[in-house]
Amino acid sequence: MCKIVEGEQESVETLIAAAAEGLEALREAAHGCPACMLAAIRQTTNDGLTDAYIGALQEFDFRKECEAAWSEYNHLAAN
């Protein structure tokens, strides 16, 4: 998905570390890419389950994140 929106994927380690800090940190590290965000959430081990991570997992809505990412991409592509 990063290539579709002409972005670059961060390392999974970077994304996992960001997920441990919460959803906003993860979104920033993933440059808004929902696939990267999902990858980080799915690959975090029990050792990474901080309160912020648990909050991020509970708040994360893949469909909503995809809609936001595609909306932004389409807006930028149209201009």
N, C-alpha and C. Protein backbone atom coordinates (compact mmCIF):
# COMPACT_ATOMS: atom_id res chain seq x y z
N MET A 1 0.83 -1.19 0.00
CA MET A 1 0.00 0.00 0.00
C MET A 1 0.87 1.26 0.00
N CYS A 2 2.03 1.22 0.66
CA CYS A 2 2.92 2.38 0.68
C CYS A 2 3.32 2.79 -0.73
N LYS A 3 3.60 1.80 -1.57
CA LYS A 3 4.02 2.11 -2.94
C LYS A 3 2.89 2.73 -3.75
N ILE A 4 1.67 2.33 -3.48
CA ILE A 4 0.52 2.89 -4.19
C ILE A 4 0.42 4.39 -3.93
N VAL A 5 0.66 4.79 -2.69
CA VAL A 5 0.55 6.20 -2.34
C VAL A 5 1.92 6.89 -2.40
N GLU A 6 2.87 6.23 -3.06
CA GLU A 6 4.20 6.75 -3.27
C GLU A 6 4.91 7.10 -1.97
N GLY A 7 4.75 6.25 -0.99
CA GLY A 7 5.41 6.43 0.29
C GLY A 7 6.47 5.37 0.49
N GLU A 8 7.13 5.46 1.63
CA GLU A 8 8.14 4.45 1.97
C GLU A 8 7.76 3.81 3.29
N GLN A 9 7.87 2.51 3.33
CA GLN A 9 7.54 1.77 4.54
C GLN A 9 8.67 1.88 5.55
N GLU A 10 8.30 2.17 6.78
CA GLU A 10 9.26 2.16 7.88
C GLU A 10 9.52 0.70 8.26
N SER A 11 10.59 0.48 8.98
CA SER A 11 10.87 -0.89 9.43
C SER A 11 9.80 -1.33 10.42
N VAL A 12 9.55 -2.61 10.46
CA VAL A 12 8.55 -3.15 11.38
C VAL A 12 8.97 -2.85 12.82
N GLU A 13 10.26 -2.88 13.09
CA GLU A 13 10.74 -2.58 14.45
C GLU A 13 10.37 -1.15 14.85
N THR A 14 10.52 -0.20 13.92
CA THR A 14 10.16 1.19 14.19
C THR A 14 8.67 1.31 14.44
N LEU A 15 7.89 0.62 13.63
CA LEU A 15 6.44 0.68 13.77
C LEU A 15 5.97 0.04 15.08
N ILE A 16 6.58 -1.05 15.46
CA ILE A 16 6.22 -1.72 16.72
C ILE A 16 6.55 -0.81 17.90
N ALA A 17 7.72 -0.17 17.86
CA ALA A 17 8.10 0.76 18.93
C ALA A 17 7.10 1.91 19.02
N ALA A 18 6.65 2.40 17.88
CA ALA A 18 5.67 3.49 17.87
C ALA A 18 4.33 3.01 18.42
N ALA A 19 3.93 1.79 18.09
CA ALA A 19 2.67 1.24 18.59
C ALA A 19 2.67 1.19 20.11
N ALA A 20 3.82 0.93 20.69
CA ALA A 20 3.94 0.88 22.15
C ALA A 20 3.71 2.25 22.78
N GLU A 21 3.80 3.31 21.96
CA GLU A 21 3.59 4.67 22.46
C GLU A 21 2.15 5.14 22.24
N GLY A 22 1.37 4.40 21.47
CA GLY A 22 -0.03 4.76 21.26
C GLY A 22 -0.37 4.93 19.79
N LEU A 23 -1.65 5.10 19.53
CA LEU A 23 -2.15 5.13 18.16
C LEU A 23 -1.64 6.33 17.38
N GLU A 24 -1.59 7.50 17.98
CA GLU A 24 -1.12 8.68 17.26
C GLU A 24 0.35 8.53 16.87
N ALA A 25 1.16 7.99 17.77
CA ALA A 25 2.58 7.76 17.46
C ALA A 25 2.72 6.75 16.34
N LEU A 26 1.90 5.71 16.38
CA LEU A 26 1.93 4.69 15.33
C LEU A 26 1.50 5.30 14.00
N ARG A 27 0.44 6.08 14.00
CA ARG A 27 -0.04 6.71 12.77
C ARG A 27 1.04 7.60 12.16
N GLU A 28 1.73 8.34 13.01
CA GLU A 28 2.80 9.23 12.53
C GLU A 28 3.97 8.41 11.96
N ALA A 29 4.39 7.38 12.67
CA ALA A 29 5.51 6.55 12.21
C ALA A 29 5.17 5.84 10.91
N ALA A 30 3.90 5.46 10.76
CA ALA A 30 3.45 4.73 9.57
C ALA A 30 3.07 5.66 8.43
N HIS A 31 3.21 6.96 8.66
CA HIS A 31 2.84 7.97 7.65
C HIS A 31 1.39 7.79 7.22
N GLY A 32 0.54 7.36 8.18
CA GLY A 32 -0.88 7.20 7.91
C GLY A 32 -1.25 5.95 7.15
N CYS A 33 -0.30 5.07 6.91
CA CYS A 33 -0.58 3.85 6.13
C CYS A 33 -1.26 2.81 7.03
N PRO A 34 -2.52 2.50 6.74
CA PRO A 34 -3.23 1.53 7.57
C PRO A 34 -2.64 0.13 7.52
N ALA A 35 -2.08 -0.26 6.40
CA ALA A 35 -1.47 -1.60 6.30
C ALA A 35 -0.24 -1.69 7.21
N CYS A 36 0.55 -0.63 7.25
CA CYS A 36 1.72 -0.61 8.13
C CYS A 36 1.29 -0.61 9.60
N MET A 37 0.23 0.14 9.89
CA MET A 37 -0.27 0.19 11.26
C MET A 37 -0.75 -1.19 11.70
N LEU A 38 -1.48 -1.85 10.82
CA LEU A 38 -1.98 -3.19 11.14
C LEU A 38 -0.82 -4.17 11.32
N ALA A 39 0.19 -4.06 10.47
CA ALA A 39 1.35 -4.95 10.58
C ALA A 39 2.03 -4.78 11.94
N ALA A 40 2.17 -3.55 12.39
CA ALA A 40 2.81 -3.31 13.68
C ALA A 40 1.96 -3.86 14.82
N ILE A 41 0.67 -3.63 14.76
CA ILE A 41 -0.22 -4.12 15.82
C ILE A 41 -0.20 -5.64 15.87
N ARG A 42 -0.25 -6.27 14.71
CA ARG A 42 -0.29 -7.74 14.66
C ARG A 42 1.03 -8.39 15.08
N GLN A 43 2.13 -7.67 14.91
CA GLN A 43 3.44 -8.28 15.17
C GLN A 43 4.02 -7.91 16.53
N THR A 44 3.32 -7.15 17.32
CA THR A 44 3.80 -6.81 18.65
C THR A 44 3.62 -8.03 19.56
N THR A 45 4.67 -8.33 20.29
CA THR A 45 4.62 -9.48 21.19
C THR A 45 4.06 -9.06 22.55
N ASN A 46 3.82 -10.02 23.40
CA ASN A 46 3.31 -9.73 24.74
C ASN A 46 4.24 -8.80 25.51
N ASP A 47 5.54 -8.81 25.19
CA ASP A 47 6.49 -7.93 25.85
C ASP A 47 6.21 -6.47 25.54
N GLY A 48 5.52 -6.19 24.43
CA GLY A 48 5.26 -4.82 24.01
C GLY A 48 3.90 -4.30 24.42
N LEU A 49 3.19 -5.02 25.25
CA LEU A 49 1.83 -4.64 25.60
C LEU A 49 1.79 -3.60 26.71
N THR A 50 2.17 -2.37 26.37
CA THR A 50 2.06 -1.26 27.30
C THR A 50 0.61 -0.79 27.33
N ASP A 51 0.27 0.05 28.29
CA ASP A 51 -1.08 0.61 28.34
C ASP A 51 -1.38 1.38 27.06
N ALA A 52 -0.38 2.11 26.54
CA ALA A 52 -0.58 2.88 25.31
C ALA A 52 -0.84 1.93 24.14
N TYR A 53 -0.11 0.81 24.09
CA TYR A 53 -0.31 -0.16 23.02
C TYR A 53 -1.72 -0.74 23.09
N ILE A 54 -2.15 -1.11 24.28
CA ILE A 54 -3.48 -1.69 24.44
C ILE A 54 -4.54 -0.67 24.02
N GLY A 55 -4.31 0.60 24.36
CA GLY A 55 -5.23 1.66 23.93
C GLY A 55 -5.24 1.79 22.42
N ALA A 56 -4.06 1.72 21.80
CA ALA A 56 -3.96 1.81 20.34
C ALA A 56 -4.71 0.66 19.69
N LEU A 57 -4.55 -0.52 20.23
CA LEU A 57 -5.23 -1.69 19.68
C LEU A 57 -6.74 -1.54 19.78
N GLN A 58 -7.22 -1.02 20.91
CA GLN A 58 -8.65 -0.86 21.09
C GLN A 58 -9.21 0.24 20.20
N GLU A 59 -8.42 1.29 19.91
CA GLU A 59 -8.89 2.40 19.09
C GLU A 59 -8.75 2.14 17.60
N PHE A 60 -7.85 1.25 17.21
CA PHE A 60 -7.54 1.05 15.80
C PHE A 60 -8.71 0.45 15.05
N ASP A 61 -9.09 1.10 13.97
CA ASP A 61 -10.18 0.64 13.11
C ASP A 61 -9.63 0.63 11.68
N PHE A 62 -9.27 -0.55 11.20
CA PHE A 62 -8.62 -0.67 9.90
C PHE A 62 -9.44 -0.04 8.79
N ARG A 63 -10.74 -0.29 8.78
CA ARG A 63 -11.60 0.26 7.73
C ARG A 63 -11.57 1.79 7.77
N LYS A 64 -11.69 2.36 8.94
CA LYS A 64 -11.66 3.81 9.09
C LYS A 64 -10.32 4.39 8.66
N GLU A 65 -9.24 3.73 9.04
CA GLU A 65 -7.90 4.19 8.66
C GLU A 65 -7.72 4.12 7.14
N CYS A 66 -8.23 3.06 6.51
CA CYS A 66 -8.15 2.93 5.04
C CYS A 66 -8.93 4.04 4.36
N GLU A 67 -10.14 4.30 4.84
CA GLU A 67 -10.96 5.35 4.25
C GLU A 67 -10.25 6.71 4.35
N ALA A 68 -9.65 6.99 5.50
CA ALA A 68 -8.95 8.27 5.68
C ALA A 68 -7.74 8.36 4.76
N ALA A 69 -6.97 7.27 4.66
CA ALA A 69 -5.77 7.27 3.82
C ALA A 69 -6.15 7.45 2.35
N TRP A 70 -7.16 6.72 1.88
CA TRP A 70 -7.57 6.83 0.48
C TRP A 70 -8.18 8.19 0.19
N SER A 71 -8.91 8.75 1.13
CA SER A 71 -9.48 10.07 0.95
C SER A 71 -8.38 11.11 0.78
N GLU A 72 -7.37 11.04 1.63
CA GLU A 72 -6.25 11.97 1.51
C GLU A 72 -5.50 11.77 0.20
N TYR A 73 -5.26 10.51 -0.16
CA TYR A 73 -4.55 10.22 -1.41
C TYR A 73 -5.34 10.75 -2.61
N ASN A 74 -6.64 10.50 -2.63
CA ASN A 74 -7.47 10.96 -3.76
C ASN A 74 -7.52 12.48 -3.82
N HIS A 75 -7.56 13.13 -2.66
CA HIS A 75 -7.56 14.58 -2.64
C HIS A 75 -6.26 15.14 -3.21
N LEU A 76 -5.12 14.56 -2.80
CA LEU A 76 -3.84 15.01 -3.30
C LEU A 76 -3.68 14.71 -4.79
N ALA A 77 -4.18 13.56 -5.22
CA ALA A 77 -4.06 13.19 -6.63
C ALA A 77 -4.90 14.09 -7.52
N ALA A 78 -6.01 14.59 -7.00
CA ALA A 78 -6.89 15.45 -7.77
C ALA A 78 -6.34 16.86 -7.93
N ASN A 79 -5.43 17.21 -7.06
CA ASN A 79 -4.89 18.59 -7.09
C ASN A 79 -3.56 18.65 -7.75
